[in-house]
Amino acid sequence: MIEFPAWEKHRKNKSYSAMFTPLMDIMFLLLLFFILTSVLPSPALPVSLSEAETGIEQTAGSIAIIITKEGTLLFENQPVTSKELPLLVSRILENNPKNLNVILAVDRDTPFHFSAEVMDLLRKQKVNNISLLVKEPE
């Protein structure tokens, strides 16, 4: 075997160590990339809205009531029963009795009797402005 005495002498005098800082930086960036890209955005509303071309935007003085396809009521994204809904609406009406606009976000697969029941509850509370939330056709 061929020996290189100069190399052996040079190797014994210096210690070699692996530098892990750049490797850790790259691993951190890869981890961050995969965490951020794996998070899927959740839909803003848990309902599939019906489409309509003639919708009008309404925002002032509005509250939203969501009716899922199973008939679950959500008031400000919190589940409520049909007995609790009139109490919540009456509390809001105490502060803003004339200009309250209720927007119903109803899933397209919801049976109509759920919508009719909620509209009836709102009318009993003297809510006169009831709108349906729709999306623009694609």
N, C-alpha and C. Protein backbone atom coordinates (compact mmCIF):
# COMPACT_ATOMS: atom_id res chain seq x y z
N MET A 1 0.83 -1.16 0.00
CA MET A 1 0.00 0.00 0.00
C MET A 1 0.89 1.25 0.00
N ILE A 2 0.43 2.25 -0.65
CA ILE A 2 1.20 3.48 -0.75
C ILE A 2 0.87 4.36 0.44
N GLU A 3 1.87 4.88 1.05
CA GLU A 3 1.67 5.74 2.19
C GLU A 3 2.04 7.17 1.83
N PHE A 4 1.31 8.09 2.41
CA PHE A 4 1.59 9.50 2.19
C PHE A 4 1.91 10.13 3.54
N PRO A 5 3.15 10.20 3.87
CA PRO A 5 3.50 10.70 5.21
C PRO A 5 3.07 12.15 5.44
N ALA A 6 3.11 12.99 4.42
CA ALA A 6 2.72 14.39 4.61
C ALA A 6 1.21 14.47 4.95
N TRP A 7 0.44 13.65 4.29
CA TRP A 7 -1.00 13.64 4.54
C TRP A 7 -1.30 13.12 5.94
N GLU A 8 -0.67 12.07 6.36
CA GLU A 8 -0.88 11.52 7.69
C GLU A 8 -0.51 12.55 8.75
N LYS A 9 0.58 13.27 8.54
CA LYS A 9 1.01 14.28 9.50
C LYS A 9 -0.02 15.42 9.55
N HIS A 10 -0.52 15.82 8.39
CA HIS A 10 -1.50 16.90 8.30
C HIS A 10 -2.83 16.48 8.96
N ARG A 11 -3.24 15.23 8.75
CA ARG A 11 -4.49 14.73 9.28
C ARG A 11 -4.45 14.60 10.80
N LYS A 12 -3.33 14.26 11.35
CA LYS A 12 -3.24 14.09 12.79
C LYS A 12 -3.26 15.44 13.51
N ASN A 13 -2.81 16.48 12.87
CA ASN A 13 -2.75 17.77 13.52
C ASN A 13 -4.11 18.49 13.53
N LYS A 14 -4.97 18.20 12.60
CA LYS A 14 -6.25 18.89 12.52
C LYS A 14 -7.39 17.94 12.85
N SER A 15 -8.37 18.49 13.52
CA SER A 15 -9.57 17.70 13.79
C SER A 15 -10.68 18.17 12.86
N TYR A 16 -11.40 17.25 12.37
CA TYR A 16 -12.49 17.56 11.46
C TYR A 16 -13.80 17.36 12.20
N SER A 17 -14.71 18.29 11.99
CA SER A 17 -16.03 18.15 12.61
C SER A 17 -17.08 18.55 11.58
N ALA A 18 -18.21 17.92 11.69
CA ALA A 18 -19.32 18.24 10.78
C ALA A 18 -20.03 19.49 11.30
N MET A 19 -20.37 20.36 10.38
CA MET A 19 -21.09 21.57 10.76
C MET A 19 -22.59 21.30 10.56
N PHE A 20 -23.32 21.26 11.66
CA PHE A 20 -24.74 20.92 11.61
C PHE A 20 -25.65 22.14 11.53
N THR A 21 -25.13 23.33 11.72
CA THR A 21 -25.98 24.52 11.71
C THR A 21 -26.66 24.73 10.36
N PRO A 22 -25.94 24.67 9.23
CA PRO A 22 -26.64 24.82 7.94
C PRO A 22 -27.64 23.69 7.69
N LEU A 23 -27.29 22.49 8.13
CA LEU A 23 -28.19 21.36 7.96
C LEU A 23 -29.47 21.57 8.78
N MET A 24 -29.33 22.07 9.99
CA MET A 24 -30.50 22.33 10.83
C MET A 24 -31.37 23.44 10.23
N ASP A 25 -30.73 24.46 9.64
CA ASP A 25 -31.49 25.54 9.00
C ASP A 25 -32.34 25.00 7.85
N ILE A 26 -31.76 24.16 7.04
CA ILE A 26 -32.48 23.59 5.91
C ILE A 26 -33.59 22.67 6.38
N MET A 27 -33.32 21.86 7.41
CA MET A 27 -34.35 20.97 7.93
C MET A 27 -35.51 21.78 8.53
N PHE A 28 -35.21 22.88 9.22
CA PHE A 28 -36.25 23.73 9.78
C PHE A 28 -37.10 24.34 8.67
N LEU A 29 -36.47 24.81 7.61
CA LEU A 29 -37.22 25.40 6.50
C LEU A 29 -38.10 24.36 5.80
N LEU A 30 -37.59 23.16 5.63
CA LEU A 30 -38.40 22.09 5.03
C LEU A 30 -39.59 21.74 5.92
N LEU A 31 -39.34 21.64 7.21
CA LEU A 31 -40.43 21.35 8.14
C LEU A 31 -41.48 22.45 8.11
N LEU A 32 -41.05 23.68 8.12
CA LEU A 32 -41.98 24.82 8.06
C LEU A 32 -42.78 24.81 6.75
N PHE A 33 -42.12 24.52 5.65
CA PHE A 33 -42.80 24.46 4.36
C PHE A 33 -43.90 23.40 4.36
N PHE A 34 -43.59 22.20 4.86
CA PHE A 34 -44.58 21.13 4.84
C PHE A 34 -45.72 21.38 5.83
N ILE A 35 -45.43 22.02 6.94
CA ILE A 35 -46.50 22.34 7.89
C ILE A 35 -47.46 23.37 7.27
N LEU A 36 -46.92 24.40 6.66
CA LEU A 36 -47.76 25.45 6.09
C LEU A 36 -48.55 24.97 4.88
N THR A 37 -47.98 24.11 4.07
CA THR A 37 -48.70 23.64 2.89
C THR A 37 -49.67 22.52 3.20
N SER A 38 -49.53 21.85 4.33
CA SER A 38 -50.44 20.76 4.65
C SER A 38 -51.72 21.24 5.32
N VAL A 39 -51.75 22.46 5.82
CA VAL A 39 -52.96 23.00 6.45
C VAL A 39 -53.94 23.38 5.35
N LEU A 40 -55.08 22.73 5.37
CA LEU A 40 -56.09 23.01 4.36
C LEU A 40 -57.07 24.05 4.90
N PRO A 41 -57.41 25.02 4.10
CA PRO A 41 -58.37 26.02 4.59
C PRO A 41 -59.75 25.41 4.75
N SER A 42 -60.38 25.72 5.86
CA SER A 42 -61.74 25.23 6.08
C SER A 42 -62.72 26.23 5.47
N PRO A 43 -63.86 25.74 5.01
CA PRO A 43 -64.82 26.68 4.42
C PRO A 43 -65.33 27.65 5.47
N ALA A 44 -65.64 28.86 5.03
CA ALA A 44 -66.12 29.88 5.96
C ALA A 44 -67.49 29.52 6.52
N LEU A 45 -68.32 28.93 5.70
CA LEU A 45 -69.65 28.51 6.15
C LEU A 45 -69.75 26.99 6.00
N PRO A 46 -70.37 26.34 6.98
CA PRO A 46 -70.51 24.89 6.89
C PRO A 46 -71.70 24.46 6.04
N VAL A 47 -72.05 25.27 5.06
CA VAL A 47 -73.19 24.97 4.20
C VAL A 47 -72.81 25.15 2.74
N SER A 48 -73.53 24.46 1.89
CA SER A 48 -73.39 24.63 0.45
C SER A 48 -74.56 25.50 0.00
N LEU A 49 -74.25 26.74 -0.35
CA LEU A 49 -75.30 27.71 -0.66
C LEU A 49 -75.89 27.50 -2.05
N SER A 50 -77.12 27.92 -2.21
CA SER A 50 -77.77 27.93 -3.51
C SER A 50 -77.20 29.08 -4.34
N GLU A 51 -77.34 28.98 -5.65
CA GLU A 51 -76.84 30.02 -6.55
C GLU A 51 -77.98 30.92 -7.01
N ALA A 52 -77.66 32.21 -7.16
CA ALA A 52 -78.64 33.18 -7.68
C ALA A 52 -77.89 34.31 -8.36
N GLU A 53 -78.39 34.72 -9.50
CA GLU A 53 -77.75 35.81 -10.26
C GLU A 53 -78.17 37.19 -9.77
N THR A 54 -79.28 37.29 -9.06
CA THR A 54 -79.82 38.59 -8.69
C THR A 54 -79.60 38.96 -7.23
N GLY A 55 -78.62 38.38 -6.59
CA GLY A 55 -78.36 38.68 -5.18
C GLY A 55 -77.88 40.11 -4.98
N ILE A 56 -78.24 40.68 -3.83
CA ILE A 56 -77.84 42.04 -3.47
C ILE A 56 -77.05 41.95 -2.17
N GLU A 57 -75.93 42.65 -2.11
CA GLU A 57 -75.10 42.62 -0.91
C GLU A 57 -75.72 43.45 0.20
N GLN A 58 -75.81 42.85 1.40
CA GLN A 58 -76.34 43.53 2.57
C GLN A 58 -75.42 43.26 3.74
N THR A 59 -74.96 44.33 4.40
CA THR A 59 -74.06 44.13 5.53
C THR A 59 -74.46 44.92 6.76
N ALA A 60 -75.07 46.06 6.62
CA ALA A 60 -75.33 46.95 7.76
C ALA A 60 -76.40 46.36 8.67
N GLY A 61 -76.10 46.28 9.96
CA GLY A 61 -77.05 45.83 10.95
C GLY A 61 -77.54 44.42 10.74
N SER A 62 -76.68 43.52 10.29
CA SER A 62 -77.10 42.17 9.97
C SER A 62 -76.58 41.16 10.99
N ILE A 63 -77.40 40.15 11.23
CA ILE A 63 -76.94 38.98 11.97
C ILE A 63 -77.19 37.77 11.07
N ALA A 64 -76.38 36.76 11.24
CA ALA A 64 -76.49 35.58 10.39
C ALA A 64 -76.95 34.38 11.20
N ILE A 65 -77.88 33.66 10.63
CA ILE A 65 -78.33 32.39 11.19
C ILE A 65 -78.09 31.33 10.11
N ILE A 66 -77.36 30.31 10.47
CA ILE A 66 -76.99 29.25 9.53
C ILE A 66 -77.86 28.03 9.81
N ILE A 67 -78.39 27.44 8.76
CA ILE A 67 -79.16 26.21 8.88
C ILE A 67 -78.45 25.15 8.03
N THR A 68 -77.92 24.13 8.68
CA THR A 68 -77.21 23.07 7.97
C THR A 68 -78.21 22.11 7.35
N LYS A 69 -77.71 21.20 6.51
CA LYS A 69 -78.62 20.28 5.84
C LYS A 69 -79.28 19.30 6.80
N GLU A 70 -78.70 19.13 8.00
CA GLU A 70 -79.33 18.28 9.01
C GLU A 70 -80.37 19.04 9.82
N GLY A 71 -80.46 20.37 9.60
CA GLY A 71 -81.41 21.18 10.34
C GLY A 71 -80.83 21.82 11.59
N THR A 72 -79.51 21.72 11.79
CA THR A 72 -78.86 22.34 12.94
C THR A 72 -78.82 23.85 12.75
N LEU A 73 -79.16 24.59 13.79
CA LEU A 73 -79.12 26.05 13.75
C LEU A 73 -77.82 26.54 14.35
N LEU A 74 -77.18 27.48 13.67
CA LEU A 74 -75.97 28.12 14.18
C LEU A 74 -76.23 29.62 14.24
N PHE A 75 -76.08 30.18 15.42
CA PHE A 75 -76.24 31.61 15.63
C PHE A 75 -74.88 32.16 16.03
N GLU A 76 -74.29 32.99 15.17
CA GLU A 76 -72.93 33.49 15.37
C GLU A 76 -71.95 32.33 15.55
N ASN A 77 -72.10 31.33 14.69
CA ASN A 77 -71.27 30.12 14.63
C ASN A 77 -71.33 29.26 15.88
N GLN A 78 -72.36 29.43 16.69
CA GLN A 78 -72.57 28.60 17.87
C GLN A 78 -73.89 27.85 17.70
N PRO A 79 -73.90 26.53 17.96
CA PRO A 79 -75.15 25.78 17.81
C PRO A 79 -76.19 26.24 18.83
N VAL A 80 -77.41 26.41 18.36
CA VAL A 80 -78.53 26.79 19.23
C VAL A 80 -79.73 25.93 18.86
N THR A 81 -80.68 25.87 19.76
CA THR A 81 -81.91 25.16 19.47
C THR A 81 -82.97 26.16 19.02
N SER A 82 -84.08 25.64 18.52
CA SER A 82 -85.16 26.53 18.07
C SER A 82 -85.83 27.22 19.25
N LYS A 83 -85.64 26.71 20.46
CA LYS A 83 -86.18 27.38 21.65
C LYS A 83 -85.26 28.50 22.11
N GLU A 84 -83.97 28.38 21.89
CA GLU A 84 -83.02 29.41 22.31
C GLU A 84 -82.96 30.57 21.33
N LEU A 85 -83.25 30.32 20.07
CA LEU A 85 -83.13 31.35 19.04
C LEU A 85 -83.98 32.59 19.31
N PRO A 86 -85.26 32.46 19.67
CA PRO A 86 -86.04 33.68 19.94
C PRO A 86 -85.46 34.53 21.09
N LEU A 87 -84.91 33.88 22.09
CA LEU A 87 -84.31 34.64 23.20
C LEU A 87 -83.09 35.43 22.74
N LEU A 88 -82.27 34.80 21.91
CA LEU A 88 -81.07 35.49 21.40
C LEU A 88 -81.46 36.66 20.50
N VAL A 89 -82.44 36.45 19.65
CA VAL A 89 -82.87 37.51 18.74
C VAL A 89 -83.51 38.65 19.53
N SER A 90 -84.30 38.34 20.55
CA SER A 90 -84.94 39.41 21.33
C SER A 90 -83.91 40.25 22.07
N ARG A 91 -82.80 39.65 22.51
CA ARG A 91 -81.73 40.44 23.14
C ARG A 91 -81.12 41.42 22.15
N ILE A 92 -80.95 41.00 20.92
CA ILE A 92 -80.38 41.89 19.91
C ILE A 92 -81.40 42.98 19.54
N LEU A 93 -82.67 42.62 19.49
CA LEU A 93 -83.71 43.60 19.15
C LEU A 93 -83.84 44.69 20.21
N GLU A 94 -83.48 44.40 21.46
CA GLU A 94 -83.54 45.42 22.50
C GLU A 94 -82.60 46.58 22.18
N ASN A 95 -81.45 46.27 21.57
CA ASN A 95 -80.47 47.31 21.23
C ASN A 95 -80.73 47.97 19.89
N ASN A 96 -81.31 47.23 18.95
CA ASN A 96 -81.47 47.73 17.59
C ASN A 96 -82.83 47.26 17.05
N PRO A 97 -83.93 47.84 17.51
CA PRO A 97 -85.24 47.28 17.18
C PRO A 97 -85.72 47.49 15.75
N LYS A 98 -85.26 48.54 15.07
CA LYS A 98 -85.85 48.86 13.77
C LYS A 98 -85.03 48.40 12.58
N ASN A 99 -83.72 48.42 12.70
CA ASN A 99 -82.88 48.18 11.53
C ASN A 99 -82.23 46.81 11.50
N LEU A 100 -82.76 45.86 12.24
CA LEU A 100 -82.13 44.54 12.27
C LEU A 100 -82.47 43.77 11.00
N ASN A 101 -81.43 43.30 10.34
CA ASN A 101 -81.58 42.47 9.15
C ASN A 101 -81.00 41.10 9.47
N VAL A 102 -81.81 40.07 9.35
CA VAL A 102 -81.37 38.70 9.61
C VAL A 102 -81.09 38.03 8.27
N ILE A 103 -79.90 37.49 8.15
CA ILE A 103 -79.52 36.78 6.93
C ILE A 103 -79.51 35.29 7.23
N LEU A 104 -80.30 34.55 6.49
CA LEU A 104 -80.35 33.10 6.64
C LEU A 104 -79.42 32.46 5.62
N ALA A 105 -78.45 31.71 6.12
CA ALA A 105 -77.57 30.93 5.26
C ALA A 105 -78.05 29.49 5.34
N VAL A 106 -78.78 29.07 4.34
CA VAL A 106 -79.42 27.75 4.35
C VAL A 106 -78.72 26.85 3.34
N ASP A 107 -78.37 25.66 3.78
CA ASP A 107 -77.77 24.69 2.88
C ASP A 107 -78.77 24.32 1.79
N ARG A 108 -78.26 24.12 0.59
CA ARG A 108 -79.16 23.84 -0.54
C ARG A 108 -79.89 22.51 -0.39
N ASP A 109 -79.36 21.60 0.43
CA ASP A 109 -80.01 20.31 0.63
C ASP A 109 -80.91 20.27 1.86
N THR A 110 -81.11 21.40 2.49
CA THR A 110 -81.95 21.46 3.69
C THR A 110 -83.42 21.38 3.29
N PRO A 111 -84.18 20.52 3.95
CA PRO A 111 -85.62 20.52 3.69
C PRO A 111 -86.23 21.87 4.05
N PHE A 112 -87.22 22.29 3.28
CA PHE A 112 -87.78 23.64 3.43
C PHE A 112 -88.41 23.88 4.79
N HIS A 113 -88.92 22.85 5.42
CA HIS A 113 -89.63 23.08 6.68
C HIS A 113 -88.69 23.63 7.77
N PHE A 114 -87.39 23.36 7.69
CA PHE A 114 -86.45 23.96 8.65
C PHE A 114 -86.37 25.47 8.44
N SER A 115 -86.29 25.89 7.18
CA SER A 115 -86.24 27.32 6.87
C SER A 115 -87.54 28.01 7.28
N ALA A 116 -88.65 27.38 6.99
CA ALA A 116 -89.95 27.96 7.33
C ALA A 116 -90.11 28.11 8.84
N GLU A 117 -89.63 27.13 9.58
CA GLU A 117 -89.72 27.20 11.05
C GLU A 117 -88.90 28.37 11.60
N VAL A 118 -87.69 28.56 11.08
CA VAL A 118 -86.84 29.66 11.54
C VAL A 118 -87.44 31.01 11.14
N MET A 119 -87.95 31.11 9.92
CA MET A 119 -88.59 32.37 9.49
C MET A 119 -89.81 32.68 10.35
N ASP A 120 -90.57 31.66 10.71
CA ASP A 120 -91.72 31.87 11.57
C ASP A 120 -91.29 32.35 12.95
N LEU A 121 -90.24 31.76 13.50
CA LEU A 121 -89.73 32.21 14.80
C LEU A 121 -89.27 33.66 14.75
N LEU A 122 -88.63 34.04 13.65
CA LEU A 122 -88.16 35.42 13.51
C LEU A 122 -89.33 36.39 13.37
N ARG A 123 -90.34 36.02 12.61
CA ARG A 123 -91.50 36.90 12.43
C ARG A 123 -92.25 37.09 13.75
N LYS A 124 -92.29 36.06 14.58
CA LYS A 124 -92.93 36.18 15.89
C LYS A 124 -92.16 37.16 16.78
N GLN A 125 -90.87 37.33 16.52
CA GLN A 125 -90.05 38.29 17.28
C GLN A 125 -90.08 39.68 16.64
N LYS A 126 -90.93 39.88 15.65
CA LYS A 126 -91.10 41.16 14.96
C LYS A 126 -89.89 41.54 14.10
N VAL A 127 -89.22 40.53 13.57
CA VAL A 127 -88.14 40.78 12.62
C VAL A 127 -88.77 40.86 11.24
N ASN A 128 -88.64 42.02 10.60
CA ASN A 128 -89.28 42.22 9.30
C ASN A 128 -88.33 42.05 8.12
N ASN A 129 -87.04 42.16 8.35
CA ASN A 129 -86.07 42.06 7.26
C ASN A 129 -85.33 40.73 7.36
N ILE A 130 -85.77 39.80 6.54
CA ILE A 130 -85.14 38.48 6.49
C ILE A 130 -84.65 38.27 5.07
N SER A 131 -83.36 37.95 4.95
CA SER A 131 -82.76 37.73 3.63
C SER A 131 -82.15 36.33 3.58
N LEU A 132 -82.04 35.81 2.37
CA LEU A 132 -81.37 34.53 2.16
C LEU A 132 -79.99 34.78 1.57
N LEU A 133 -79.00 34.10 2.12
CA LEU A 133 -77.64 34.21 1.61
C LEU A 133 -77.48 33.25 0.44
N VAL A 134 -77.02 33.77 -0.68
CA VAL A 134 -76.79 32.97 -1.88
C VAL A 134 -75.39 33.26 -2.40
N LYS A 135 -74.96 32.42 -3.32
CA LYS A 135 -73.66 32.69 -3.97
C LYS A 135 -73.89 32.93 -5.45
N GLU A 136 -72.94 33.61 -6.06
CA GLU A 136 -73.03 33.88 -7.50
C GLU A 136 -72.78 32.59 -8.28
N PRO A 137 -73.46 32.41 -9.40
CA PRO A 137 -73.22 31.22 -10.21
C PRO A 137 -71.79 31.18 -10.72
N GLU A 138 -71.26 30.00 -10.81
CA GLU A 138 -69.88 29.85 -11.31
C GLU A 138 -69.81 29.83 -12.80
